[in-house]
Amino acid sequence: MIEFKEQMKGISAIKKVISSLIGEHEAYQGAMEDLPVSAEVNGKLIIDREIIKCQFTIHHNNAVVHIMWEDYGYKAYKALGLFGTMNTDWQYFRTISDSALEIKDKDGKYKIKINYAS
């Protein structure tokens, strides 16, 4: 499990994404959008800015991002080393400038970048 301080940073990052997508006062409703997604596994870029539906949700004690890989042609996304559901209990989340969310796993095996603002 990720350290509490890092979990709070992650929740804040996801709140920033949701606020950017649907409005600051709506952040606790969640958001779902088709967004450019990039994924790097073991240092190799395997997906580069492909449009994929992403869902962002904040719960009372964590935040969750779902990436709908299967719906966009990646039926074997797990074999690629990716996850469909990531949350602030197990992954690191941070915003990169005001336009992208970066998700990293604890072991540094994968990194996902979701561009949420143009």
PDB file of N, CA and C in Angstrom:
ATOM      1  N   MET A   1       0.848  -1.178   0.000  1.00  0.00           N
ATOM      2  CA  MET A   1       0.000   0.000   0.000  1.00  0.00           C
ATOM      3  C   MET A   1       0.895   1.244   0.000  1.00  0.00           C
ATOM      4  N   ILE A   2       0.438   2.277  -0.693  1.00  0.00           N
ATOM      5  CA  ILE A   2       1.174   3.538  -0.796  1.00  0.00           C
ATOM      6  C   ILE A   2       1.073   4.303   0.533  1.00  0.00           C
ATOM      7  N   GLU A   3       2.106   5.062   0.859  1.00  0.00           N
ATOM      8  CA  GLU A   3       2.110   5.859   2.078  1.00  0.00           C
ATOM      9  C   GLU A   3       0.942   6.860   2.052  1.00  0.00           C
ATOM     10  N   PHE A   4       0.399   7.172   3.231  1.00  0.00           N
ATOM     11  CA  PHE A   4      -0.765   8.045   3.352  1.00  0.00           C
ATOM     12  C   PHE A   4      -0.545   9.398   2.667  1.00  0.00           C
ATOM     13  N   LYS A   5       0.606   9.999   2.880  1.00  0.00           N
ATOM     14  CA  LYS A   5       0.906  11.306   2.278  1.00  0.00           C
ATOM     15  C   LYS A   5       0.809  11.236   0.751  1.00  0.00           C
ATOM     16  N   GLU A   6       1.329  10.175   0.178  1.00  0.00           N
ATOM     17  CA  GLU A   6       1.277   9.992  -1.278  1.00  0.00           C
ATOM     18  C   GLU A   6      -0.152   9.720  -1.747  1.00  0.00           C
ATOM     19  N   GLN A   7      -0.933   9.004  -0.942  1.00  0.00           N
ATOM     20  CA  GLN A   7      -2.340   8.772  -1.276  1.00  0.00           C
ATOM     21  C   GLN A   7      -3.087  10.103  -1.370  1.00  0.00           C
ATOM     22  N   MET A   8      -2.835  10.990  -0.428  1.00  0.00           N
ATOM     23  CA  MET A   8      -3.504  12.300  -0.427  1.00  0.00           C
ATOM     24  C   MET A   8      -3.091  13.126  -1.638  1.00  0.00           C
ATOM     25  N   LYS A   9      -1.816  13.053  -2.017  1.00  0.00           N
ATOM     26  CA  LYS A   9      -1.357  13.744  -3.228  1.00  0.00           C
ATOM     27  C   LYS A   9      -2.078  13.194  -4.452  1.00  0.00           C
ATOM     28  N   GLY A  10      -2.262  11.883  -4.482  1.00  0.00           N
ATOM     29  CA  GLY A  10      -2.950  11.247  -5.600  1.00  0.00           C
ATOM     30  C   GLY A  10      -4.400  11.665  -5.705  1.00  0.00           C
ATOM     31  N   ILE A  11      -5.092  11.715  -4.568  1.00  0.00           N
ATOM     32  CA  ILE A  11      -6.489  12.148  -4.557  1.00  0.00           C
ATOM     33  C   ILE A  11      -6.583  13.590  -5.055  1.00  0.00           C
ATOM     34  N   SER A  12      -5.676  14.420  -4.613  1.00  0.00           N
ATOM     35  CA  SER A  12      -5.646  15.815  -5.051  1.00  0.00           C
ATOM     36  C   SER A  12      -5.409  15.919  -6.559  1.00  0.00           C
ATOM     37  N   ALA A  13      -4.521  15.097  -7.089  1.00  0.00           N
ATOM     38  CA  ALA A  13      -4.237  15.109  -8.527  1.00  0.00           C
ATOM     39  C   ALA A  13      -5.480  14.706  -9.328  1.00  0.00           C
ATOM     40  N   ILE A  14      -6.166  13.672  -8.882  1.00  0.00           N
ATOM     41  CA  ILE A  14      -7.364  13.219  -9.598  1.00  0.00           C
ATOM     42  C   ILE A  14      -8.479  14.257  -9.468  1.00  0.00           C
ATOM     43  N   LYS A  15      -8.579  14.894  -8.333  1.00  0.00           N
ATOM     44  CA  LYS A  15      -9.572  15.965  -8.183  1.00  0.00           C
ATOM     45  C   LYS A  15      -9.293  17.088  -9.179  1.00  0.00           C
ATOM     46  N   LYS A  16      -8.025  17.409  -9.377  1.00  0.00           N
ATOM     47  CA  LYS A  16      -7.640  18.445 -10.339  1.00  0.00           C
ATOM     48  C   LYS A  16      -8.066  18.055 -11.750  1.00  0.00           C
ATOM     49  N   VAL A  17      -7.889  16.793 -12.105  1.00  0.00           N
ATOM     50  CA  VAL A  17      -8.293  16.311 -13.426  1.00  0.00           C
ATOM     51  C   VAL A  17      -9.810  16.453 -13.592  1.00  0.00           C
ATOM     52  N   ILE A  18     -10.562  15.956 -12.625  1.00  0.00           N
ATOM     53  CA  ILE A  18     -12.022  16.020 -12.705  1.00  0.00           C
ATOM     54  C   ILE A  18     -12.486  17.470 -12.778  1.00  0.00           C
ATOM     55  N   SER A  19     -11.915  18.338 -11.960  1.00  0.00           N
ATOM     56  CA  SER A  19     -12.283  19.750 -11.979  1.00  0.00           C
ATOM     57  C   SER A  19     -12.026  20.369 -13.344  1.00  0.00           C
ATOM     58  N   SER A  20     -10.922  19.992 -13.962  1.00  0.00           N
ATOM     59  CA  SER A  20     -10.596  20.508 -15.293  1.00  0.00           C
ATOM     60  C   SER A  20     -11.591  20.024 -16.346  1.00  0.00           C
ATOM     61  N   LEU A  21     -12.044  18.777 -16.199  1.00  0.00           N
ATOM     62  CA  LEU A  21     -12.947  18.189 -17.194  1.00  0.00           C
ATOM     63  C   LEU A  21     -14.387  18.667 -17.049  1.00  0.00           C
ATOM     64  N   ILE A  22     -14.892  18.770 -15.814  1.00  0.00           N
ATOM     65  CA  ILE A  22     -16.326  19.069 -15.662  1.00  0.00           C
ATOM     66  C   ILE A  22     -16.647  20.248 -14.748  1.00  0.00           C
ATOM     67  N   GLY A  23     -15.634  20.877 -14.169  1.00  0.00           N
ATOM     68  CA  GLY A  23     -15.888  22.030 -13.329  1.00  0.00           C
ATOM     69  C   GLY A  23     -15.453  21.810 -11.895  1.00  0.00           C
ATOM     70  N   GLU A  24     -14.951  22.850 -11.299  1.00  0.00           N
ATOM     71  CA  GLU A  24     -14.366  22.766  -9.962  1.00  0.00           C
ATOM     72  C   GLU A  24     -15.340  22.288  -8.889  1.00  0.00           C
ATOM     73  N   HIS A  25     -16.578  22.698  -8.970  1.00  0.00           N
ATOM     74  CA  HIS A  25     -17.546  22.341  -7.923  1.00  0.00           C
ATOM     75  C   HIS A  25     -18.186  20.974  -8.154  1.00  0.00           C
ATOM     76  N   GLU A  26     -17.796  20.294  -9.208  1.00  0.00           N
ATOM     77  CA  GLU A  26     -18.371  18.990  -9.542  1.00  0.00           C
ATOM     78  C   GLU A  26     -17.394  17.841  -9.301  1.00  0.00           C
ATOM     79  N   ALA A  27     -16.252  18.108  -8.712  1.00  0.00           N
ATOM     80  CA  ALA A  27     -15.170  17.126  -8.633  1.00  0.00           C
ATOM     81  C   ALA A  27     -15.559  15.824  -7.955  1.00  0.00           C
ATOM     82  N   TYR A  28     -16.481  15.847  -7.011  1.00  0.00           N
ATOM     83  CA  TYR A  28     -16.827  14.617  -6.313  1.00  0.00           C
ATOM     84  C   TYR A  28     -17.911  13.809  -7.020  1.00  0.00           C
ATOM     85  N   GLN A  29     -18.317  14.255  -8.216  1.00  0.00           N
ATOM     86  CA  GLN A  29     -19.257  13.476  -9.019  1.00  0.00           C
ATOM     87  C   GLN A  29     -18.531  12.488  -9.919  1.00  0.00           C
ATOM     88  N   GLY A  30     -17.275  12.739 -10.205  1.00  0.00           N
ATOM     89  CA  GLY A  30     -16.517  11.903 -11.118  1.00  0.00           C
ATOM     90  C   GLY A  30     -16.673  12.383 -12.542  1.00  0.00           C
ATOM     91  N   ALA A  31     -15.859  11.815 -13.431  1.00  0.00           N
ATOM     92  CA  ALA A  31     -15.895  12.206 -14.844  1.00  0.00           C
ATOM     93  C   ALA A  31     -15.499  11.015 -15.698  1.00  0.00           C
ATOM     94  N   MET A  32     -16.030  10.994 -16.926  1.00  0.00           N
ATOM     95  CA  MET A  32     -15.661   9.972 -17.897  1.00  0.00           C
ATOM     96  C   MET A  32     -15.502  10.662 -19.242  1.00  0.00           C
ATOM     97  N   GLU A  33     -14.319  10.499 -19.866  1.00  0.00           N
ATOM     98  CA  GLU A  33     -14.013  11.180 -21.125  1.00  0.00           C
ATOM     99  C   GLU A  33     -13.131  10.297 -21.995  1.00  0.00           C
ATOM    100  N   ASP A  34     -13.210  10.520 -23.303  1.00  0.00           N
ATOM    101  CA  ASP A  34     -12.246   9.944 -24.239  1.00  0.00           C
ATOM    102  C   ASP A  34     -11.044  10.884 -24.257  1.00  0.00           C
ATOM    103  N   LEU A  35      -9.873  10.359 -23.891  1.00  0.00           N
ATOM    104  CA  LEU A  35      -8.686  11.200 -23.736  1.00  0.00           C
ATOM    105  C   LEU A  35      -7.458  10.529 -24.344  1.00  0.00           C
ATOM    106  N   PRO A  36      -6.452  11.318 -24.742  1.00  0.00           N
ATOM    107  CA  PRO A  36      -5.204  10.736 -25.236  1.00  0.00           C
ATOM    108  C   PRO A  36      -4.441  10.059 -24.091  1.00  0.00           C
ATOM    109  N   VAL A  37      -4.102   8.786 -24.294  1.00  0.00           N
ATOM    110  CA  VAL A  37      -3.407   7.995 -23.274  1.00  0.00           C
ATOM    111  C   VAL A  37      -2.114   7.438 -23.863  1.00  0.00           C
ATOM    112  N   SER A  38      -1.047   7.527 -23.082  1.00  0.00           N
ATOM    113  CA  SER A  38       0.223   6.903 -23.437  1.00  0.00           C
ATOM    114  C   SER A  38       0.590   5.934 -22.318  1.00  0.00           C
ATOM    115  N   ALA A  39       1.234   4.830 -22.692  1.00  0.00           N
ATOM    116  CA  ALA A  39       1.637   3.847 -21.679  1.00  0.00           C
ATOM    117  C   ALA A  39       3.044   3.347 -21.988  1.00  0.00           C
ATOM    118  N   GLU A  40       3.833   3.284 -20.931  1.00  0.00           N
ATOM    119  CA  GLU A  40       5.202   2.795 -21.012  1.00  0.00           C
ATOM    120  C   GLU A  40       5.332   1.625 -20.044  1.00  0.00           C
ATOM    121  N   VAL A  41       5.833   0.498 -20.519  1.00  0.00           N
ATOM    122  CA  VAL A  41       6.027  -0.678 -19.678  1.00  0.00           C
ATOM    123  C   VAL A  41       7.486  -1.103 -19.785  1.00  0.00           C
ATOM    124  N   ASN A  42       8.125  -1.254 -18.630  1.00  0.00           N
ATOM    125  CA  ASN A  42       9.548  -1.616 -18.574  1.00  0.00           C
ATOM    126  C   ASN A  42      10.396  -0.705 -19.453  1.00  0.00           C
ATOM    127  N   GLY A  43      10.086   0.587 -19.434  1.00  0.00           N
ATOM    128  CA  GLY A  43      10.866   1.572 -20.180  1.00  0.00           C
ATOM    129  C   GLY A  43      10.566   1.658 -21.661  1.00  0.00           C
ATOM    130  N   LYS A  44       9.597   0.876 -22.145  1.00  0.00           N
ATOM    131  CA  LYS A  44       9.275   0.866 -23.571  1.00  0.00           C
ATOM    132  C   LYS A  44       7.878   1.461 -23.793  1.00  0.00           C
ATOM    133  N   LEU A  45       7.783   2.451 -24.671  1.00  0.00           N
ATOM    134  CA  LEU A  45       6.501   3.056 -25.007  1.00  0.00           C
ATOM    135  C   LEU A  45       5.688   2.073 -25.844  1.00  0.00           C
ATOM    136  N   ILE A  46       4.525   1.643 -25.328  1.00  0.00           N
ATOM    137  CA  ILE A  46       3.715   0.665 -26.060  1.00  0.00           C
ATOM    138  C   ILE A  46       2.417   1.262 -26.593  1.00  0.00           C
ATOM    139  N   ILE A  47       1.993   2.382 -26.027  1.00  0.00           N
ATOM    140  CA  ILE A  47       0.800   3.092 -26.503  1.00  0.00           C
ATOM    141  C   ILE A  47       1.162   4.575 -26.487  1.00  0.00           C
ATOM    142  N   ASP A  48       0.922   5.257 -27.600  1.00  0.00           N
ATOM    143  CA  ASP A  48       1.328   6.655 -27.716  1.00  0.00           C
ATOM    144  C   ASP A  48       0.160   7.557 -28.098  1.00  0.00           C
ATOM    145  N   ARG A  49      -0.396   8.231 -27.105  1.00  0.00           N
ATOM    146  CA  ARG A  49      -1.452   9.229 -27.270  1.00  0.00           C
ATOM    147  C   ARG A  49      -2.670   8.706 -28.044  1.00  0.00           C
ATOM    148  N   GLU A  50      -3.064   7.489 -27.765  1.00  0.00           N
ATOM    149  CA  GLU A  50      -4.275   6.947 -28.379  1.00  0.00           C
ATOM    150  C   GLU A  50      -5.485   7.376 -27.555  1.00  0.00           C
ATOM    151  N   ILE A  51      -6.584   7.673 -28.248  1.00  0.00           N
ATOM    152  CA  ILE A  51      -7.799   8.112 -27.584  1.00  0.00           C
ATOM    153  C   ILE A  51      -8.494   6.894 -26.961  1.00  0.00           C
ATOM    154  N   ILE A  52      -8.637   6.934 -25.630  1.00  0.00           N
ATOM    155  CA  ILE A  52      -9.232   5.830 -24.875  1.00  0.00           C
ATOM    156  C   ILE A  52     -10.115   6.434 -23.785  1.00  0.00           C
ATOM    157  N   LYS A  53     -11.258   5.816 -23.537  1.00  0.00           N
ATOM    158  CA  LYS A  53     -12.166   6.308 -22.492  1.00  0.00           C
ATOM    159  C   LYS A  53     -11.558   6.062 -21.110  1.00  0.00           C
ATOM    160  N   CYS A  54     -11.565   7.123 -20.291  1.00  0.00           N
ATOM    161  CA  CYS A  54     -11.039   7.068 -18.926  1.00  0.00           C
ATOM    162  C   CYS A  54     -12.109   7.572 -17.973  1.00  0.00           C
ATOM    163  N   GLN A  55     -12.219   6.906 -16.837  1.00  0.00           N
ATOM    164  CA  GLN A  55     -13.166   7.320 -15.806  1.00  0.00           C
ATOM    165  C   GLN A  55     -12.391   7.667 -14.546  1.00  0.00           C
ATOM    166  N   PHE A  56     -12.743   8.801 -13.944  1.00  0.00           N
ATOM    167  CA  PHE A  56     -12.085   9.299 -12.740  1.00  0.00           C
ATOM    168  C   PHE A  56     -13.135   9.408 -11.644  1.00  0.00           C
ATOM    169  N   THR A  57     -12.858   8.816 -10.478  1.00  0.00           N
ATOM    170  CA  THR A  57     -13.815   8.813  -9.379  1.00  0.00           C
ATOM    171  C   THR A  57     -13.086   9.071  -8.066  1.00  0.00           C
ATOM    172  N   ILE A  58     -13.693   9.892  -7.214  1.00  0.00           N
ATOM    173  CA  ILE A  58     -13.155  10.122  -5.874  1.00  0.00           C
ATOM    174  C   ILE A  58     -14.132   9.526  -4.877  1.00  0.00           C
ATOM    175  N   HIS A  59     -13.603   8.677  -3.985  1.00  0.00           N
ATOM    176  CA  HIS A  59     -14.379   8.092  -2.901  1.00  0.00           C
ATOM    177  C   HIS A  59     -13.990   8.815  -1.612  1.00  0.00           C
ATOM    178  N   HIS A  60     -14.544   8.432  -0.507  1.00  0.00           N
ATOM    179  CA  HIS A  60     -14.227   9.133   0.737  1.00  0.00           C
ATOM    180  C   HIS A  60     -12.791   8.924   1.196  1.00  0.00           C
ATOM    181  N   ASN A  61     -12.149   7.805   0.836  1.00  0.00           N
ATOM    182  CA  ASN A  61     -10.796   7.560   1.322  1.00  0.00           C
ATOM    183  C   ASN A  61      -9.781   7.222   0.231  1.00  0.00           C
ATOM    184  N   ASN A  62     -10.194   7.242  -1.031  1.00  0.00           N
ATOM    185  CA  ASN A  62      -9.249   7.040  -2.122  1.00  0.00           C
ATOM    186  C   ASN A  62      -9.860   7.553  -3.427  1.00  0.00           C
ATOM    187  N   ALA A  63      -9.078   7.504  -4.476  1.00  0.00           N
ATOM    188  CA  ALA A  63      -9.559   7.899  -5.797  1.00  0.00           C
ATOM    189  C   ALA A  63      -9.168   6.807  -6.785  1.00  0.00           C
ATOM    190  N   VAL A  64      -9.978   6.660  -7.838  1.00  0.00           N
ATOM    191  CA  VAL A  64      -9.812   5.557  -8.776  1.00  0.00           C
ATOM    192  C   VAL A  64      -9.821   6.078 -10.201  1.00  0.00           C
ATOM    193  N   VAL A  65      -8.978   5.478 -11.033  1.00  0.00           N
ATOM    194  CA  VAL A  65      -8.993   5.738 -12.474  1.00  0.00           C
ATOM    195  C   VAL A  65      -9.207   4.399 -13.171  1.00  0.00           C
ATOM    196  N   HIS A  66     -10.222   4.363 -14.034  1.00  0.00           N
ATOM    197  CA  HIS A  66     -10.465   3.191 -14.879  1.00  0.00           C
ATOM    198  C   HIS A  66     -10.099   3.589 -16.309  1.00  0.00           C
ATOM    199  N   ILE A  67      -9.320   2.752 -16.967  1.00  0.00           N
ATOM    200  CA  ILE A  67      -9.013   2.961 -18.381  1.00  0.00           C
ATOM    201  C   ILE A  67      -9.633   1.797 -19.137  1.00  0.00           C
ATOM    202  N   MET A  68     -10.476   2.106 -20.101  1.00  0.00           N
ATOM    203  CA  MET A  68     -11.251   1.090 -20.815  1.00  0.00           C
ATOM    204  C   MET A  68     -10.447   0.513 -21.985  1.00  0.00           C
ATOM    205  N   TRP A  69      -9.318  -0.120 -21.691  1.00  0.00           N
ATOM    206  CA  TRP A  69      -8.426  -0.665 -22.714  1.00  0.00           C
ATOM    207  C   TRP A  69      -9.169  -1.581 -23.687  1.00  0.00           C
ATOM    208  N   GLU A  70      -9.959  -2.508 -23.152  1.00  0.00           N
ATOM    209  CA  GLU A  70     -10.630  -3.520 -23.986  1.00  0.00           C
ATOM    210  C   GLU A  70     -11.563  -2.896 -25.013  1.00  0.00           C
ATOM    211  N   ASP A  71     -12.259  -1.846 -24.621  1.00  0.00           N
ATOM    212  CA  ASP A  71     -13.211  -1.201 -25.528  1.00  0.00           C
ATOM    213  C   ASP A  71     -12.528  -0.503 -26.689  1.00  0.00           C
ATOM    214  N   TYR A  72     -11.206  -0.313 -26.603  1.00  0.00           N
ATOM    215  CA  TYR A  72     -10.467   0.406 -27.637  1.00  0.00           C
ATOM    216  C   TYR A  72      -9.405  -0.475 -28.298  1.00  0.00           C
ATOM    217  N   GLY A  73      -9.661  -1.777 -28.316  1.00  0.00           N
ATOM    218  CA  GLY A  73      -8.824  -2.695 -29.077  1.00  0.00           C
ATOM    219  C   GLY A  73      -7.721  -3.406 -28.316  1.00  0.00           C
ATOM    220  N   TYR A  74      -7.572  -3.159 -27.036  1.00  0.00           N
ATOM    221  CA  TYR A  74      -6.511  -3.797 -26.253  1.00  0.00           C
ATOM    222  C   TYR A  74      -7.095  -4.902 -25.380  1.00  0.00           C
ATOM    223  N   LYS A  75      -7.534  -5.981 -26.027  1.00  0.00           N
ATOM    224  CA  LYS A  75      -8.157  -7.097 -25.297  1.00  0.00           C
ATOM    225  C   LYS A  75      -7.166  -7.764 -24.338  1.00  0.00           C
ATOM    226  N   ALA A  76      -5.885  -7.780 -24.702  1.00  0.00           N
ATOM    227  CA  ALA A  76      -4.858  -8.434 -23.883  1.00  0.00           C
ATOM    228  C   ALA A  76      -4.011  -7.404 -23.135  1.00  0.00           C
ATOM    229  N   TYR A  77      -4.658  -6.361 -22.620  1.00  0.00           N
ATOM    230  CA  TYR A  77      -3.907  -5.301 -21.945  1.00  0.00           C
ATOM    231  C   TYR A  77      -3.138  -5.817 -20.732  1.00  0.00           C
ATOM    232  N   LYS A  78      -3.650  -6.825 -20.053  1.00  0.00           N
ATOM    233  CA  LYS A  78      -2.946  -7.383 -18.888  1.00  0.00           C
ATOM    234  C   LYS A  78      -1.642  -8.052 -19.320  1.00  0.00           C
ATOM    235  N   ALA A  79      -1.663  -8.715 -20.478  1.00  0.00           N
ATOM    236  CA  ALA A  79      -0.450  -9.341 -20.999  1.00  0.00           C
ATOM    237  C   ALA A  79       0.596  -8.296 -21.371  1.00  0.00           C
ATOM    238  N   LEU A  80       0.145  -7.074 -21.653  1.00  0.00           N
ATOM    239  CA  LEU A  80       1.070  -5.977 -21.944  1.00  0.00           C
ATOM    240  C   LEU A  80       1.678  -5.384 -20.673  1.00  0.00           C
ATOM    241  N   GLY A  81       1.150  -5.789 -19.508  1.00  0.00           N
ATOM    242  CA  GLY A  81       1.637  -5.267 -18.239  1.00  0.00           C
ATOM    243  C   GLY A  81       0.842  -4.085 -17.720  1.00  0.00           C
ATOM    244  N   LEU A  82      -0.375  -3.921 -18.230  1.00  0.00           N
ATOM    245  CA  LEU A  82      -1.224  -2.798 -17.843  1.00  0.00           C
ATOM    246  C   LEU A  82      -2.371  -3.247 -16.950  1.00  0.00           C
ATOM    247  N   PHE A  83      -2.967  -2.289 -16.274  1.00  0.00           N
ATOM    248  CA  PHE A  83      -4.133  -2.539 -15.430  1.00  0.00           C
ATOM    249  C   PHE A  83      -5.276  -1.658 -15.910  1.00  0.00           C
ATOM    250  N   GLY A  84      -6.495  -2.132 -15.762  1.00  0.00           N
ATOM    251  CA  GLY A  84      -7.664  -1.357 -16.139  1.00  0.00           C
ATOM    252  C   GLY A  84      -8.106  -0.437 -15.025  1.00  0.00           C
ATOM    253  N   THR A  85      -7.893  -0.846 -13.789  1.00  0.00           N
ATOM    254  CA  THR A  85      -8.286  -0.045 -12.633  1.00  0.00           C
ATOM    255  C   THR A  85      -7.060   0.243 -11.785  1.00  0.00           C
ATOM    256  N   MET A  86      -6.858   1.521 -11.496  1.00  0.00           N
ATOM    257  CA  MET A  86      -5.749   1.940 -10.647  1.00  0.00           C
ATOM    258  C   MET A  86      -6.299   2.873  -9.585  1.00  0.00           C
ATOM    259  N   ASN A  87      -5.794   2.755  -8.362  1.00  0.00           N
ATOM    260  CA  ASN A  87      -6.276   3.662  -7.319  1.00  0.00           C
ATOM    261  C   ASN A  87      -5.143   4.152  -6.433  1.00  0.00           C
ATOM    262  N   THR A  88      -5.463   5.170  -5.684  1.00  0.00           N
ATOM    263  CA  THR A  88      -4.449   5.858  -4.888  1.00  0.00           C
ATOM    264  C   THR A  88      -3.916   5.018  -3.731  1.00  0.00           C
ATOM    265  N   ASP A  89      -4.515   3.873  -3.462  1.00  0.00           N
ATOM    266  CA  ASP A  89      -3.968   2.968  -2.444  1.00  0.00           C
ATOM    267  C   ASP A  89      -2.739   2.220  -2.965  1.00  0.00           C
ATOM    268  N   TRP A  90      -2.658   2.024  -4.303  1.00  0.00           N
ATOM    269  CA  TRP A  90      -1.640   1.138  -4.858  1.00  0.00           C
ATOM    270  C   TRP A  90      -0.747   1.754  -5.920  1.00  0.00           C
ATOM    271  N   GLN A  91      -1.140   2.892  -6.500  1.00  0.00           N
ATOM    272  CA  GLN A  91      -0.331   3.549  -7.509  1.00  0.00           C
ATOM    273  C   GLN A  91      -0.082   5.004  -7.119  1.00  0.00           C
ATOM    274  N   TYR A  92       0.967   5.570  -7.702  1.00  0.00           N
ATOM    275  CA  TYR A  92       1.284   6.979  -7.503  1.00  0.00           C
ATOM    276  C   TYR A  92       0.639   7.792  -8.616  1.00  0.00           C
ATOM    277  N   PHE A  93      -0.015   8.897  -8.263  1.00  0.00           N
ATOM    278  CA  PHE A  93      -0.656   9.780  -9.215  1.00  0.00           C
ATOM    279  C   PHE A  93      -0.100  11.188  -9.017  1.00  0.00           C
ATOM    280  N   ARG A  94       0.175  11.866 -10.128  1.00  0.00           N
ATOM    281  CA  ARG A  94       0.563  13.267 -10.036  1.00  0.00           C
ATOM    282  C   ARG A  94       0.191  13.969 -11.329  1.00  0.00           C
ATOM    283  N   THR A  95      -0.091  15.249 -11.216  1.00  0.00           N
ATOM    284  CA  THR A  95      -0.369  16.023 -12.422  1.00  0.00           C
ATOM    285  C   THR A  95       0.948  16.562 -12.947  1.00  0.00           C
ATOM    286  N   ILE A  96       1.040  16.594 -14.265  1.00  0.00           N
ATOM    287  CA  ILE A  96       2.204  17.145 -14.944  1.00  0.00           C
ATOM    288  C   ILE A  96       1.726  18.441 -15.577  1.00  0.00           C
ATOM    289  N   SER A  97       2.229  19.550 -15.146  1.00  0.00           N
ATOM    290  CA  SER A  97       1.737  20.880 -15.522  1.00  0.00           C
ATOM    291  C   SER A  97       0.233  20.918 -15.295  1.00  0.00           C
ATOM    292  N   ASP A  98      -0.497  21.577 -16.157  1.00  0.00           N
ATOM    293  CA  ASP A  98      -1.949  21.640 -16.006  1.00  0.00           C
ATOM    294  C   ASP A  98      -2.654  20.849 -17.092  1.00  0.00           C
ATOM    295  N   SER A  99      -1.963  19.859 -17.658  1.00  0.00           N
ATOM    296  CA  SER A  99      -2.562  19.183 -18.806  1.00  0.00           C
ATOM    297  C   SER A  99      -2.522  17.671 -18.782  1.00  0.00           C
ATOM    298  N   ALA A 100      -1.792  17.066 -17.870  1.00  0.00           N
ATOM    299  CA  ALA A 100      -1.659  15.605 -17.912  1.00  0.00           C
ATOM    300  C   ALA A 100      -1.570  15.003 -16.516  1.00  0.00           C
ATOM    301  N   LEU A 101      -2.103  13.798 -16.395  1.00  0.00           N
ATOM    302  CA  LEU A 101      -2.014  13.005 -15.172  1.00  0.00           C
ATOM    303  C   LEU A 101      -1.039  11.866 -15.441  1.00  0.00           C
ATOM    304  N   GLU A 102      -0.113  11.657 -14.521  1.00  0.00           N
ATOM    305  CA  GLU A 102       0.828  10.553 -14.638  1.00  0.00           C
ATOM    306  C   GLU A 102       0.536   9.543 -13.542  1.00  0.00           C
ATOM    307  N   ILE A 103       0.503   8.275 -13.925  1.00  0.00           N
ATOM    308  CA  ILE A 103       0.248   7.179 -12.988  1.00  0.00           C
ATOM    309  C   ILE A 103       1.456   6.238 -13.048  1.00  0.00           C
ATOM    310  N   LYS A 104       2.021   5.930 -11.891  1.00  0.00           N
ATOM    311  CA  LYS A 104       3.152   5.001 -11.824  1.00  0.00           C
ATOM    312  C   LYS A 104       2.857   3.937 -10.783  1.00  0.00           C
ATOM    313  N   ASP A 105       3.346   2.738 -11.034  1.00  0.00           N
ATOM    314  CA  ASP A 105       3.199   1.688 -10.036  1.00  0.00           C
ATOM    315  C   ASP A 105       4.351   1.763  -9.037  1.00  0.00           C
ATOM    316  N   LYS A 106       4.207   1.087  -7.915  1.00  0.00           N
ATOM    317  CA  LYS A 106       5.209   1.112  -6.847  1.00  0.00           C
ATOM    318  C   LYS A 106       6.564   0.588  -7.303  1.00  0.00           C
ATOM    319  N   ASP A 107       6.557  -0.389  -8.187  1.00  0.00           N
ATOM    320  CA  ASP A 107       7.799  -1.043  -8.588  1.00  0.00           C
ATOM    321  C   ASP A 107       8.459  -0.402  -9.800  1.00  0.00           C
ATOM    322  N   GLY A 108       7.832   0.596 -10.378  1.00  0.00           N
ATOM    323  CA  GLY A 108       8.404   1.270 -11.541  1.00  0.00           C
ATOM    324  C   GLY A 108       8.320   0.477 -12.835  1.00  0.00           C
ATOM    325  N   LYS A 109       7.409  -0.481 -12.911  1.00  0.00           N
ATOM    326  CA  LYS A 109       7.278  -1.294 -14.115  1.00  0.00           C
ATOM    327  C   LYS A 109       6.498  -0.597 -15.215  1.00  0.00           C
ATOM    328  N   TYR A 110       5.520   0.230 -14.835  1.00  0.00           N
ATOM    329  CA  TYR A 110       4.750   0.926 -15.858  1.00  0.00           C
ATOM    330  C   TYR A 110       4.470   2.367 -15.470  1.00  0.00           C
ATOM    331  N   LYS A 111       4.263   3.166 -16.507  1.00  0.00           N
ATOM    332  CA  LYS A 111       3.919   4.578 -16.335  1.00  0.00           C
ATOM    333  C   LYS A 111       2.868   4.900 -17.389  1.00  0.00           C
ATOM    334  N   ILE A 112       1.788   5.531 -16.950  1.00  0.00           N
ATOM    335  CA  ILE A 112       0.702   5.908 -17.846  1.00  0.00           C
ATOM    336  C   ILE A 112       0.535   7.419 -17.778  1.00  0.00           C
ATOM    337  N   LYS A 113       0.341   8.011 -18.927  1.00  0.00           N
ATOM    338  CA  LYS A 113       0.122   9.454 -19.000  1.00  0.00           C
ATOM    339  C   LYS A 113      -1.222   9.679 -19.700  1.00  0.00           C
ATOM    340  N   ILE A 114      -2.097  10.428 -19.026  1.00  0.00           N
ATOM    341  CA  ILE A 114      -3.411  10.759 -19.589  1.00  0.00           C
ATOM    342  C   ILE A 114      -3.443  12.276 -19.771  1.00  0.00           C
ATOM    343  N   ASN A 115      -3.603  12.733 -21.001  1.00  0.00           N
ATOM    344  CA  ASN A 115      -3.710  14.164 -21.285  1.00  0.00           C
ATOM    345  C   ASN A 115      -5.169  14.560 -21.133  1.00  0.00           C
ATOM    346  N   TYR A 116      -5.432  15.434 -20.172  1.00  0.00           N
ATOM    347  CA  TYR A 116      -6.813  15.816 -19.902  1.00  0.00           C
ATOM    348  C   TYR A 116      -7.131  17.242 -20.309  1.00  0.00           C
ATOM    349  N   ALA A 117      -6.143  18.006 -20.730  1.00  0.00           N
ATOM    350  CA  ALA A 117      -6.368  19.389 -21.175  1.00  0.00           C
ATOM    351  C   ALA A 117      -5.505  19.656 -22.391  1.00  0.00           C
ATOM    352  N   SER A 118      -6.040  20.429 -23.315  1.00  0.00           N
ATOM    353  CA  SER A 118      -5.262  20.688 -24.528  1.00  0.00           C
ATOM    354  C   SER A 118      -4.364  21.882 -24.380  1.00  0.00           C
TER     355      SER A 118
END
